Amino acid sequence: MAPPSHPSRPRRSGASILLPILVPIAVLIMVAVGVGSRLQFTERQAIDTIHTVGSEAADRVDVEATVQRVDAAGRELVLRVRVTPRGAFGEKEGTAPVADLELQTSAATLGDLAFKAHERLATRDVQVAITGGSISDYPFDAYETDVEFWAVLGGQDVPVRVRFSNNDTLFSITAAPTASPQEAVVGLDVTRSGSLLVFAVFMMVVMWALAASVLIGAWYLSTHGEGLVWPALAWMAATLFALAAFRNTAPGTPPIGCVLDWFAFLWAETVIALCLIAVVITGVRSALGPDGTRHPWRPWRRTPHGSARSAGRRPGGS
C-alpha cells in the first residue's frame, strides 16, 4: 500500500518575501525626506528673515546691512552695507545725499563710512570684529558682536533705520534689535548652522563606525590565525588614509585640535593604526614556526577518512 502523499507547501513568491522588508524601508525614507524638508525650510526661513530697527520717519537714512561671510578663524564677519537717504535727505530717488553724509559705527566695526554730497552712493563692505567663543570648539563654537549705526548729514544727526539680514549659510545669526531716537543697534549671536552641525555630528559617528569595523576585523584575523591577509591589510590601510581625507571635507575648514578631532577623528585614526600593526604582527607570527622559520610545505595531508590527499600539486604529477 502506497504511503499517503502529503500536499506540498506552496512556495512564497519573491514579492511576498521582499514586501515586509521594502515597506519599512520606504516608510523610513519618506520620514527622513520629510524631516529633512522641514529642517531645510526652517533654515531657509531663518536666512530670509530681515530684522528692522530704527526710525520710521519720512526723512531718514536707510541702511541695508547683510552678512556675507563669517570668518571664525579671523574672528570677524564681512558686512555688506548699502545706504539710501530718504525724503529730504536724498536726491535722484535716494541714489545720492543732499549733503556730506557720514555713517558712524560701533567700536566693533573697523572704520566709519563717508559719502560725498551729490555723488552716487556705492555699496561698501566692512569688517566687524566678533568676540566670545573659540574656533577650537568647532562645530559647537558661538560668537557675539554688536552692529551699530548712526548718521550725520551736513554736520547734523539724522534718523537712521537698519534692515539686517544674513547670507552666510554656514552660520546661524540671531539678531536682537535695540532702537533709540537717533541710532540703531543690533546685537548678534553667531552660531554654526543646523545643517553644518548635523553634518559634523554625522562625520563623528562615521569615524567611530569605521574604527569599530576595523577593530572587529582585526580581532577576527588575530584570533583565528588567518596570517597575512593582504586584502584585509589593504582595506585597513585605505581606511586609515581615507579617514584623513574625509575629515578635511568638514565645512568651515576647522583647525587641527578642534572638538571634531578630540571627539572622534584622532581616536579613530589611533584605533585603526594600532589594529593594522597588530594584524601584521600576529599574521607574521602565525606564518612562522616556533623556531622563527617558515612552516614547511606539506604537499600531502591526511583526510579525516585516513586516505592521503594532496594539499597542492602531486609530486611527479601534472
C-alpha atoms as a PDB file:
ATOM      1  CA  MET A   1       0.000   0.000   0.000  1.00  0.00           C
ATOM      2  CA  ALA A   2       1.456   3.313  -1.061  1.00  0.00           C
ATOM      3  CA  PRO A   3       2.052   5.817   1.706  1.00  0.00           C
ATOM      4  CA  PRO A   4      -0.345   8.760   1.712  1.00  0.00           C
ATOM      5  CA  SER A   5       1.028  11.721  -0.144  1.00  0.00           C
ATOM      6  CA  HIS A   6       1.393  14.949   1.779  1.00  0.00           C
ATOM      7  CA  PRO A   7       0.337  18.095  -0.020  1.00  0.00           C
ATOM      8  CA  SER A   8       3.387  20.195  -0.849  1.00  0.00           C
ATOM      9  CA  ARG A   9       3.618  23.604   0.785  1.00  0.00           C
ATOM     10  CA  PRO A  10       3.145  26.455  -1.632  1.00  0.00           C
ATOM     11  CA  ARG A  11       6.317  28.384  -2.209  1.00  0.00           C
ATOM     12  CA  ARG A  12       6.277  32.010  -1.338  1.00  0.00           C
ATOM     13  CA  SER A  13       6.925  34.307  -4.248  1.00  0.00           C
ATOM     14  CA  GLY A  14       9.817  36.753  -4.269  1.00  0.00           C
ATOM     15  CA  ALA A  15       7.441  39.704  -3.979  1.00  0.00           C
ATOM     16  CA  SER A  16       5.829  38.345  -0.806  1.00  0.00           C
ATOM     17  CA  ILE A  17       9.268  37.828   0.753  1.00  0.00           C
ATOM     18  CA  LEU A  18      10.578  41.297  -0.103  1.00  0.00           C
ATOM     19  CA  LEU A  19       7.371  43.149   0.751  1.00  0.00           C
ATOM     20  CA  PRO A  20       7.842  43.091   4.569  1.00  0.00           C
ATOM     21  CA  ILE A  21      11.367  44.455   4.049  1.00  0.00           C
ATOM     22  CA  LEU A  22      10.678  47.058   1.394  1.00  0.00           C
ATOM     23  CA  VAL A  23       7.691  48.630   3.144  1.00  0.00           C
ATOM     24  CA  PRO A  24       9.591  49.667   6.347  1.00  0.00           C
ATOM     25  CA  ILE A  25      12.490  50.913   4.211  1.00  0.00           C
ATOM     26  CA  ALA A  26      10.124  53.017   2.113  1.00  0.00           C
ATOM     27  CA  VAL A  27       8.495  54.407   5.261  1.00  0.00           C
ATOM     28  CA  LEU A  28      11.900  55.306   6.730  1.00  0.00           C
ATOM     29  CA  ILE A  29      12.908  57.038   3.505  1.00  0.00           C
ATOM     30  CA  MET A  30       9.704  59.072   3.469  1.00  0.00           C
ATOM     31  CA  VAL A  31      10.141  60.049   7.118  1.00  0.00           C
ATOM     32  CA  ALA A  32      13.780  61.043   6.520  1.00  0.00           C
ATOM     33  CA  VAL A  33      12.852  63.141   3.482  1.00  0.00           C
ATOM     34  CA  GLY A  34      10.011  64.774   5.405  1.00  0.00           C
ATOM     35  CA  VAL A  35      12.218  65.662   8.364  1.00  0.00           C
ATOM     36  CA  GLY A  36      14.946  66.924   6.035  1.00  0.00           C
ATOM     37  CA  SER A  37      12.483  69.072   4.106  1.00  0.00           C
ATOM     38  CA  ARG A  38      11.198  70.576   7.330  1.00  0.00           C
ATOM     39  CA  LEU A  39      14.687  71.364   8.575  1.00  0.00           C
ATOM     40  CA  GLN A  40      15.692  72.857   5.229  1.00  0.00           C
ATOM     41  CA  PHE A  41      12.548  75.009   5.123  1.00  0.00           C
ATOM     42  CA  THR A  42      13.152  76.258   8.669  1.00  0.00           C
ATOM     43  CA  GLU A  43      16.761  77.130   7.889  1.00  0.00           C
ATOM     44  CA  ARG A  44      15.739  78.856   4.670  1.00  0.00           C
ATOM     45  CA  GLN A  45      13.213  80.961   6.571  1.00  0.00           C
ATOM     46  CA  ALA A  46      15.891  81.975   9.063  1.00  0.00           C
ATOM     47  CA  ILE A  47      18.183  83.100   6.224  1.00  0.00           C
ATOM     48  CA  ASP A  48      15.380  85.068   4.520  1.00  0.00           C
ATOM     49  CA  THR A  49      14.389  86.842   7.756  1.00  0.00           C
ATOM     50  CA  ILE A  50      15.047  90.595   7.738  1.00  0.00           C
ATOM     51  CA  HIS A  51      15.334  92.407  11.070  1.00  0.00           C
ATOM     52  CA  THR A  52      14.315  96.072  11.045  1.00  0.00           C
ATOM     53  CA  VAL A  53      15.320  98.553  13.737  1.00  0.00           C
ATOM     54  CA  GLY A  54      15.406 102.356  13.929  1.00  0.00           C
ATOM     55  CA  SER A  55      13.322 105.344  12.972  1.00  0.00           C
ATOM     56  CA  GLU A  56      10.274 105.247  10.691  1.00  0.00           C
ATOM     57  CA  ALA A  57      10.366 108.970   9.911  1.00  0.00           C
ATOM     58  CA  ALA A  58       9.795 110.071   6.335  1.00  0.00           C
ATOM     59  CA  ASP A  59      13.133 111.900   6.301  1.00  0.00           C
ATOM     60  CA  ARG A  60      15.744 109.338   7.320  1.00  0.00           C
ATOM     61  CA  VAL A  61      18.748 107.312   6.173  1.00  0.00           C
ATOM     62  CA  ASP A  62      18.136 103.649   5.387  1.00  0.00           C
ATOM     63  CA  VAL A  63      20.952 101.157   5.902  1.00  0.00           C
ATOM     64  CA  GLU A  64      20.745  97.640   4.497  1.00  0.00           C
ATOM     65  CA  ALA A  65      23.352  95.520   6.281  1.00  0.00           C
ATOM     66  CA  THR A  66      23.855  91.934   5.087  1.00  0.00           C
ATOM     67  CA  VAL A  67      26.332  89.418   6.469  1.00  0.00           C
ATOM     68  CA  GLN A  68      28.265  87.981   3.518  1.00  0.00           C
ATOM     69  CA  ARG A  69      30.788  85.782   5.292  1.00  0.00           C
ATOM     70  CA  VAL A  70      31.778  84.871   8.840  1.00  0.00           C
ATOM     71  CA  ASP A  71      35.484  84.185   9.372  1.00  0.00           C
ATOM     72  CA  ALA A  72      35.692  82.334  12.672  1.00  0.00           C
ATOM     73  CA  ALA A  73      39.466  81.876  12.392  1.00  0.00           C
ATOM     74  CA  GLY A  74      39.987  85.606  11.789  1.00  0.00           C
ATOM     75  CA  ARG A  75      37.297  86.457  14.376  1.00  0.00           C
ATOM     76  CA  GLU A  76      35.416  88.813  12.094  1.00  0.00           C
ATOM     77  CA  LEU A  77      32.442  88.932   9.772  1.00  0.00           C
ATOM     78  CA  VAL A  78      32.092  90.770   6.478  1.00  0.00           C
ATOM     79  CA  LEU A  79      29.090  93.101   6.393  1.00  0.00           C
ATOM     80  CA  ARG A  80      27.842  94.500   3.086  1.00  0.00           C
ATOM     81  CA  VAL A  81      26.313  97.928   3.654  1.00  0.00           C
ATOM     82  CA  ARG A  82      24.026  99.793   1.276  1.00  0.00           C
ATOM     83  CA  VAL A  83      22.976 103.331   2.245  1.00  0.00           C
ATOM     84  CA  THR A  84      19.869 105.088   0.886  1.00  0.00           C
ATOM     85  CA  PRO A  85      18.819 108.596   2.025  1.00  0.00           C
ATOM     86  CA  ARG A  86      15.043 109.066   2.082  1.00  0.00           C
ATOM     87  CA  GLY A  87      12.807 112.118   1.803  1.00  0.00           C
ATOM     88  CA  ALA A  88      14.517 115.485   2.038  1.00  0.00           C
ATOM     89  CA  PHE A  89      17.897 113.849   2.720  1.00  0.00           C
ATOM     90  CA  GLY A  90      18.235 112.265  -0.729  1.00  0.00           C
ATOM     91  CA  GLU A  91      18.167 113.241  -4.359  1.00  0.00           C
ATOM     92  CA  LYS A  92      17.874 111.256  -7.586  1.00  0.00           C
ATOM     93  CA  GLU A  93      15.495 108.773  -5.912  1.00  0.00           C
ATOM     94  CA  GLY A  94      17.829 108.238  -2.986  1.00  0.00           C
ATOM     95  CA  THR A  95      20.950 107.452  -5.004  1.00  0.00           C
ATOM     96  CA  ALA A  96      22.861 110.491  -3.665  1.00  0.00           C
ATOM     97  CA  PRO A  97      22.764 112.581  -0.451  1.00  0.00           C
ATOM     98  CA  VAL A  98      21.968 116.295  -0.485  1.00  0.00           C
ATOM     99  CA  ALA A  99      24.983 116.953   1.767  1.00  0.00           C
ATOM    100  CA  ASP A 100      28.072 115.173   3.016  1.00  0.00           C
ATOM    101  CA  LEU A 101      26.905 112.004   4.738  1.00  0.00           C
ATOM    102  CA  GLU A 102      28.875 110.166   7.396  1.00  0.00           C
ATOM    103  CA  LEU A 103      27.719 106.827   8.709  1.00  0.00           C
ATOM    104  CA  GLN A 104      29.306 106.199  12.082  1.00  0.00           C
ATOM    105  CA  THR A 105      29.532 102.691  13.505  1.00  0.00           C
ATOM    106  CA  SER A 106      30.316 100.905  16.742  1.00  0.00           C
ATOM    107  CA  ALA A 107      33.786 100.119  18.032  1.00  0.00           C
ATOM    108  CA  ALA A 108      33.499  96.540  16.748  1.00  0.00           C
ATOM    109  CA  THR A 109      33.204  97.801  13.163  1.00  0.00           C
ATOM    110  CA  LEU A 110      36.534  98.554  11.514  1.00  0.00           C
ATOM    111  CA  GLY A 111      36.000 102.115  10.291  1.00  0.00           C
ATOM    112  CA  ASP A 112      33.190 104.575   9.575  1.00  0.00           C
ATOM    113  CA  LEU A 113      31.651 105.246   6.161  1.00  0.00           C
ATOM    114  CA  ALA A 114      31.755 108.643   4.455  1.00  0.00           C
ATOM    115  CA  PHE A 115      29.913 109.760   1.293  1.00  0.00           C
ATOM    116  CA  LYS A 116      30.263 113.000  -0.635  1.00  0.00           C
ATOM    117  CA  ALA A 117      27.283 115.236  -1.343  1.00  0.00           C
ATOM    118  CA  HIS A 118      25.529 114.797  -4.716  1.00  0.00           C
ATOM    119  CA  GLU A 119      27.644 111.736  -5.538  1.00  0.00           C
ATOM    120  CA  ARG A 120      26.183 108.335  -6.264  1.00  0.00           C
ATOM    121  CA  LEU A 121      26.201 106.047  -3.229  1.00  0.00           C
ATOM    122  CA  ALA A 122      28.112 102.795  -3.663  1.00  0.00           C
ATOM    123  CA  THR A 123      27.770  99.605  -1.676  1.00  0.00           C
ATOM    124  CA  ARG A 124      30.583  99.100   0.852  1.00  0.00           C
ATOM    125  CA  ASP A 125      31.961  96.026   2.606  1.00  0.00           C
ATOM    126  CA  VAL A 126      33.101  96.484   6.183  1.00  0.00           C
ATOM    127  CA  GLN A 127      34.646  94.104   8.707  1.00  0.00           C
ATOM    128  CA  VAL A 128      33.063  93.642  12.107  1.00  0.00           C
ATOM    129  CA  ALA A 129      35.015  92.017  14.928  1.00  0.00           C
ATOM    130  CA  ILE A 130      33.343  89.132  16.763  1.00  0.00           C
ATOM    131  CA  THR A 131      34.074  88.188  20.368  1.00  0.00           C
ATOM    132  CA  GLY A 132      33.489  85.221  22.636  1.00  0.00           C
ATOM    133  CA  GLY A 133      33.874  81.573  21.783  1.00  0.00           C
ATOM    134  CA  SER A 134      36.758  79.835  20.057  1.00  0.00           C
ATOM    135  CA  ILE A 135      37.072  78.054  16.729  1.00  0.00           C
ATOM    136  CA  SER A 136      38.616  75.117  18.596  1.00  0.00           C
ATOM    137  CA  ASP A 137      35.069  74.376  19.822  1.00  0.00           C
ATOM    138  CA  TYR A 138      34.010  73.527  16.239  1.00  0.00           C
ATOM    139  CA  PRO A 139      31.229  72.626  15.472  1.00  0.00           C
ATOM    140  CA  PHE A 140      29.781  73.941  18.742  1.00  0.00           C
ATOM    141  CA  ASP A 141      31.538  77.331  18.723  1.00  0.00           C
ATOM    142  CA  ALA A 142      29.483  80.510  19.225  1.00  0.00           C
ATOM    143  CA  TYR A 143      30.307  84.220  18.983  1.00  0.00           C
ATOM    144  CA  GLU A 144      28.694  87.577  19.582  1.00  0.00           C
ATOM    145  CA  THR A 145      29.042  91.182  18.438  1.00  0.00           C
ATOM    146  CA  ASP A 146      27.135  94.462  18.040  1.00  0.00           C
ATOM    147  CA  VAL A 147      26.309  96.300  14.822  1.00  0.00           C
ATOM    148  CA  GLU A 148      25.524  99.965  15.421  1.00  0.00           C
ATOM    149  CA  PHE A 149      24.828 102.820  13.014  1.00  0.00           C
ATOM    150  CA  TRP A 150      24.067 106.485  13.364  1.00  0.00           C
ATOM    151  CA  ALA A 151      24.049 109.039  10.559  1.00  0.00           C
ATOM    152  CA  VAL A 152      25.424 112.573  10.337  1.00  0.00           C
ATOM    153  CA  LEU A 153      24.245 114.625   7.344  1.00  0.00           C
ATOM    154  CA  GLY A 154      25.767 118.051   6.820  1.00  0.00           C
ATOM    155  CA  GLY A 155      27.049 118.067  10.406  1.00  0.00           C
ATOM    156  CA  GLN A 156      23.626 117.267  11.900  1.00  0.00           C
ATOM    157  CA  ASP A 157      22.453 113.968  13.422  1.00  0.00           C
ATOM    158  CA  VAL A 158      19.600 112.491  11.396  1.00  0.00           C
ATOM    159  CA  PRO A 159      17.308 109.491  11.973  1.00  0.00           C
ATOM    160  CA  VAL A 160      18.510 106.128  10.698  1.00  0.00           C
ATOM    161  CA  ARG A 161      16.831 102.793  10.058  1.00  0.00           C
ATOM    162  CA  VAL A 162      18.693  99.483   9.672  1.00  0.00           C
ATOM    163  CA  ARG A 163      17.494  96.390   7.810  1.00  0.00           C
ATOM    164  CA  PHE A 164      19.707  93.453   8.817  1.00  0.00           C
ATOM    165  CA  SER A 165      19.923  90.014   7.133  1.00  0.00           C
ATOM    166  CA  ASN A 166      22.307  87.069   6.818  1.00  0.00           C
ATOM    167  CA  ASN A 167      23.586  85.394   3.632  1.00  0.00           C
ATOM    168  CA  ASP A 168      26.164  83.027   5.146  1.00  0.00           C
ATOM    169  CA  THR A 169      24.624  79.541   5.043  1.00  0.00           C
ATOM    170  CA  LEU A 170      27.326  78.077   7.305  1.00  0.00           C
ATOM    171  CA  PHE A 171      26.267  80.229  10.260  1.00  0.00           C
ATOM    172  CA  SER A 172      23.021  80.980  12.014  1.00  0.00           C
ATOM    173  CA  ILE A 173      22.723  84.540  13.306  1.00  0.00           C
ATOM    174  CA  THR A 174      20.204  85.651  15.894  1.00  0.00           C
ATOM    175  CA  ALA A 175      19.589  89.414  15.938  1.00  0.00           C
ATOM    176  CA  ALA A 176      18.300  91.394  18.916  1.00  0.00           C
ATOM    177  CA  PRO A 177      17.391  94.922  17.697  1.00  0.00           C
ATOM    178  CA  THR A 178      17.677  97.905  20.051  1.00  0.00           C
ATOM    179  CA  ALA A 179      16.195 101.238  18.933  1.00  0.00           C
ATOM    180  CA  SER A 180      16.941 104.807  20.045  1.00  0.00           C
ATOM    181  CA  PRO A 181      15.877 108.210  18.623  1.00  0.00           C
ATOM    182  CA  GLN A 182      18.985 108.788  16.505  1.00  0.00           C
ATOM    183  CA  GLU A 183      20.752 105.429  16.190  1.00  0.00           C
ATOM    184  CA  ALA A 184      20.087 101.752  15.510  1.00  0.00           C
ATOM    185  CA  VAL A 185      21.826  98.887  17.316  1.00  0.00           C
ATOM    186  CA  VAL A 186      21.588  95.167  16.540  1.00  0.00           C
ATOM    187  CA  GLY A 187      23.079  92.602  18.924  1.00  0.00           C
ATOM    188  CA  LEU A 188      24.198  89.459  17.112  1.00  0.00           C
ATOM    189  CA  ASP A 189      24.645  85.899  18.370  1.00  0.00           C
ATOM    190  CA  VAL A 190      26.565  83.839  15.807  1.00  0.00           C
ATOM    191  CA  THR A 191      26.472  80.012  15.849  1.00  0.00           C
ATOM    192  CA  ARG A 192      27.004  77.228  13.328  1.00  0.00           C
ATOM    193  CA  SER A 193      24.002  76.493  11.134  1.00  0.00           C
ATOM    194  CA  GLY A 194      21.817  73.473  11.791  1.00  0.00           C
ATOM    195  CA  SER A 195      22.836  71.672   8.591  1.00  0.00           C
ATOM    196  CA  LEU A 196      26.531  72.111   9.380  1.00  0.00           C
ATOM    197  CA  LEU A 197      26.013  70.847  12.923  1.00  0.00           C
ATOM    198  CA  VAL A 198      24.145  67.755  11.702  1.00  0.00           C
ATOM    199  CA  PHE A 199      26.838  67.007   9.117  1.00  0.00           C
ATOM    200  CA  ALA A 200      29.670  67.401  11.639  1.00  0.00           C
ATOM    201  CA  VAL A 201      27.960  65.048  14.107  1.00  0.00           C
ATOM    202  CA  PHE A 202      27.357  62.581  11.258  1.00  0.00           C
ATOM    203  CA  MET A 203      31.078  62.714  10.432  1.00  0.00           C
ATOM    204  CA  MET A 204      31.984  61.844  14.023  1.00  0.00           C
ATOM    205  CA  VAL A 205      29.569  58.894  14.018  1.00  0.00           C
ATOM    206  CA  VAL A 206      31.016  57.620  10.726  1.00  0.00           C
ATOM    207  CA  MET A 207      34.571  57.904  12.054  1.00  0.00           C
ATOM    208  CA  TRP A 208      33.768  55.795  15.105  1.00  0.00           C
ATOM    209  CA  ALA A 209      31.831  53.293  12.962  1.00  0.00           C
ATOM    210  CA  LEU A 210      34.820  52.820  10.637  1.00  0.00           C
ATOM    211  CA  ALA A 211      37.165  52.440  13.593  1.00  0.00           C
ATOM    212  CA  ALA A 212      34.856  49.817  15.138  1.00  0.00           C
ATOM    213  CA  SER A 213      34.688  47.940  11.829  1.00  0.00           C
ATOM    214  CA  VAL A 214      38.473  47.790  11.572  1.00  0.00           C
ATOM    215  CA  LEU A 215      38.719  46.727  15.213  1.00  0.00           C
ATOM    216  CA  ILE A 216      36.293  43.817  14.671  1.00  0.00           C
ATOM    217  CA  GLY A 217      38.152  42.738  11.546  1.00  0.00           C
ATOM    218  CA  ALA A 218      41.494  42.872  13.350  1.00  0.00           C
ATOM    219  CA  TRP A 219      40.102  40.815  16.242  1.00  0.00           C
ATOM    220  CA  TYR A 220      38.859  38.138  13.839  1.00  0.00           C
ATOM    221  CA  LEU A 221      42.133  37.903  11.927  1.00  0.00           C
ATOM    222  CA  SER A 222      44.221  37.807  15.102  1.00  0.00           C
ATOM    223  CA  THR A 223      42.180  35.208  16.992  1.00  0.00           C
ATOM    224  CA  HIS A 224      41.643  32.826  14.049  1.00  0.00           C
ATOM    225  CA  GLY A 225      45.271  32.732  12.928  1.00  0.00           C
ATOM    226  CA  GLU A 226      44.476  33.784   9.386  1.00  0.00           C
ATOM    227  CA  GLY A 227      48.013  35.008   8.778  1.00  0.00           C
ATOM    228  CA  LEU A 228      48.778  37.923   6.490  1.00  0.00           C
ATOM    229  CA  VAL A 229      45.561  38.516   4.603  1.00  0.00           C
ATOM    230  CA  TRP A 230      46.630  41.145   2.126  1.00  0.00           C
ATOM    231  CA  PRO A 231      43.140  42.327   1.040  1.00  0.00           C
ATOM    232  CA  ALA A 232      42.255  42.934   4.689  1.00  0.00           C
ATOM    233  CA  LEU A 233      45.508  44.819   5.275  1.00  0.00           C
ATOM    234  CA  ALA A 234      44.871  46.924   2.157  1.00  0.00           C
ATOM    235  CA  TRP A 235      41.371  47.747   3.388  1.00  0.00           C
ATOM    236  CA  MET A 236      42.673  48.836   6.817  1.00  0.00           C
ATOM    237  CA  ALA A 237      45.429  50.984   5.313  1.00  0.00           C
ATOM    238  CA  ALA A 238      42.971  52.564   2.868  1.00  0.00           C
ATOM    239  CA  THR A 239      40.590  53.354   5.728  1.00  0.00           C
ATOM    240  CA  LEU A 240      43.438  54.959   7.672  1.00  0.00           C
ATOM    241  CA  PHE A 241      44.217  57.423   4.880  1.00  0.00           C
ATOM    242  CA  ALA A 242      40.644  57.853   3.664  1.00  0.00           C
ATOM    243  CA  LEU A 243      39.569  58.973   7.119  1.00  0.00           C
ATOM    244  CA  ALA A 244      42.018  61.888   6.981  1.00  0.00           C
ATOM    245  CA  ALA A 245      40.646  62.968   3.593  1.00  0.00           C
ATOM    246  CA  PHE A 246      37.094  62.602   4.918  1.00  0.00           C
ATOM    247  CA  ARG A 247      37.940  64.828   7.881  1.00  0.00           C
ATOM    248  CA  ASN A 248      39.212  67.566   5.551  1.00  0.00           C
ATOM    249  CA  THR A 249      35.785  67.740   3.869  1.00  0.00           C
ATOM    250  CA  ALA A 250      34.268  69.222   7.043  1.00  0.00           C
ATOM    251  CA  PRO A 251      32.637  72.559   6.084  1.00  0.00           C
ATOM    252  CA  GLY A 252      34.190  75.690   7.514  1.00  0.00           C
ATOM    253  CA  THR A 253      37.799  74.357   7.432  1.00  0.00           C
ATOM    254  CA  PRO A 254      38.112  73.547  11.154  1.00  0.00           C
ATOM    255  CA  PRO A 255      41.660  73.652  12.565  1.00  0.00           C
ATOM    256  CA  ILE A 256      43.508  70.638  13.891  1.00  0.00           C
ATOM    257  CA  GLY A 257      42.706  70.107  17.552  1.00  0.00           C
ATOM    258  CA  CYS A 258      39.040  71.107  17.489  1.00  0.00           C
ATOM    259  CA  VAL A 259      36.197  69.190  19.136  1.00  0.00           C
ATOM    260  CA  LEU A 260      35.710  67.144  15.951  1.00  0.00           C
ATOM    261  CA  ASP A 261      39.266  65.821  16.289  1.00  0.00           C
ATOM    262  CA  TRP A 262      39.257  65.097  20.004  1.00  0.00           C
ATOM    263  CA  PHE A 263      35.791  63.534  19.988  1.00  0.00           C
ATOM    264  CA  ALA A 264      36.304  61.238  17.009  1.00  0.00           C
ATOM    265  CA  PHE A 265      38.996  61.749  14.357  1.00  0.00           C
ATOM    266  CA  LEU A 266      42.229  61.406  16.361  1.00  0.00           C
ATOM    267  CA  TRP A 267      40.963  58.409  18.344  1.00  0.00           C
ATOM    268  CA  ALA A 268      39.582  56.681  15.241  1.00  0.00           C
ATOM    269  CA  GLU A 269      42.926  57.111  13.465  1.00  0.00           C
ATOM    270  CA  THR A 270      44.745  55.736  16.519  1.00  0.00           C
ATOM    271  CA  VAL A 271      42.490  52.665  16.735  1.00  0.00           C
ATOM    272  CA  ILE A 272      42.860  51.904  13.025  1.00  0.00           C
ATOM    273  CA  ALA A 273      46.651  52.314  13.077  1.00  0.00           C
ATOM    274  CA  LEU A 274      47.039  50.056  16.135  1.00  0.00           C
ATOM    275  CA  CYS A 275      44.762  47.432  14.593  1.00  0.00           C
ATOM    276  CA  LEU A 276      46.801  47.449  11.394  1.00  0.00           C
ATOM    277  CA  ILE A 277      50.038  46.968  13.326  1.00  0.00           C
ATOM    278  CA  ALA A 278      48.525  44.216  15.486  1.00  0.00           C
ATOM    279  CA  VAL A 279      47.249  42.281  12.456  1.00  0.00           C
ATOM    280  CA  VAL A 280      50.668  42.440  10.789  1.00  0.00           C
ATOM    281  CA  ILE A 281      52.465  41.219  13.938  1.00  0.00           C
ATOM    282  CA  THR A 282      50.054  38.344  14.610  1.00  0.00           C
ATOM    283  CA  GLY A 283      49.999  37.423  10.923  1.00  0.00           C
ATOM    284  CA  VAL A 284      53.779  37.180  10.761  1.00  0.00           C
ATOM    285  CA  ARG A 285      53.908  35.119  13.981  1.00  0.00           C
ATOM    286  CA  SER A 286      51.319  32.666  12.677  1.00  0.00           C
ATOM    287  CA  ALA A 287      53.181  32.339   9.357  1.00  0.00           C
ATOM    288  CA  LEU A 288      56.445  31.490  11.147  1.00  0.00           C
ATOM    289  CA  GLY A 289      57.206  28.310  13.025  1.00  0.00           C
ATOM    290  CA  PRO A 290      58.085  28.070  16.722  1.00  0.00           C
ATOM    291  CA  ASP A 291      61.782  28.456  15.914  1.00  0.00           C
ATOM    292  CA  GLY A 292      61.202  31.528  13.794  1.00  0.00           C
ATOM    293  CA  THR A 293      61.319  29.772  10.426  1.00  0.00           C
ATOM    294  CA  ARG A 294      58.514  29.443   7.944  1.00  0.00           C
ATOM    295  CA  HIS A 295      56.216  26.446   8.233  1.00  0.00           C
ATOM    296  CA  PRO A 296      57.412  23.598   5.972  1.00  0.00           C
ATOM    297  CA  TRP A 297      55.394  22.986   2.852  1.00  0.00           C
ATOM    298  CA  ARG A 298      53.313  19.846   3.178  1.00  0.00           C
ATOM    299  CA  PRO A 299      52.187  18.619  -0.243  1.00  0.00           C
ATOM    300  CA  TRP A 300      50.325  15.664   1.296  1.00  0.00           C
ATOM    301  CA  ARG A 301      47.992  15.591   4.231  1.00  0.00           C
ATOM    302  CA  ARG A 302      45.623  13.069   5.758  1.00  0.00           C
ATOM    303  CA  THR A 303      41.915  13.365   5.286  1.00  0.00           C
ATOM    304  CA  PRO A 304      39.551  12.505   8.160  1.00  0.00           C
ATOM    305  CA  HIS A 305      38.947   9.078   6.494  1.00  0.00           C
ATOM    306  CA  GLY A 306      42.624   8.206   6.596  1.00  0.00           C
ATOM    307  CA  SER A 307      43.309   8.428   2.864  1.00  0.00           C
ATOM    308  CA  ALA A 308      46.165  10.509   1.571  1.00  0.00           C
ATOM    309  CA  ARG A 309      45.156  13.632  -0.272  1.00  0.00           C
ATOM    310  CA  SER A 310      47.218  16.253  -1.981  1.00  0.00           C
ATOM    311  CA  ALA A 311      47.249  19.724  -0.428  1.00  0.00           C
ATOM    312  CA  GLY A 312      48.790  21.114  -3.588  1.00  0.00           C
ATOM    313  CA  ARG A 313      50.024  19.570  -6.760  1.00  0.00           C
ATOM    314  CA  ARG A 314      51.024  15.891  -6.632  1.00  0.00           C
ATOM    315  CA  PRO A 315      54.709  15.105  -6.671  1.00  0.00           C
ATOM    316  CA  GLY A 316      55.671  13.958 -10.107  1.00  0.00           C
ATOM    317  CA  GLY A 317      52.220  14.629 -11.485  1.00  0.00           C
ATOM    318  CA  SER A 318      50.888  17.265 -13.763  1.00  0.00           C
END
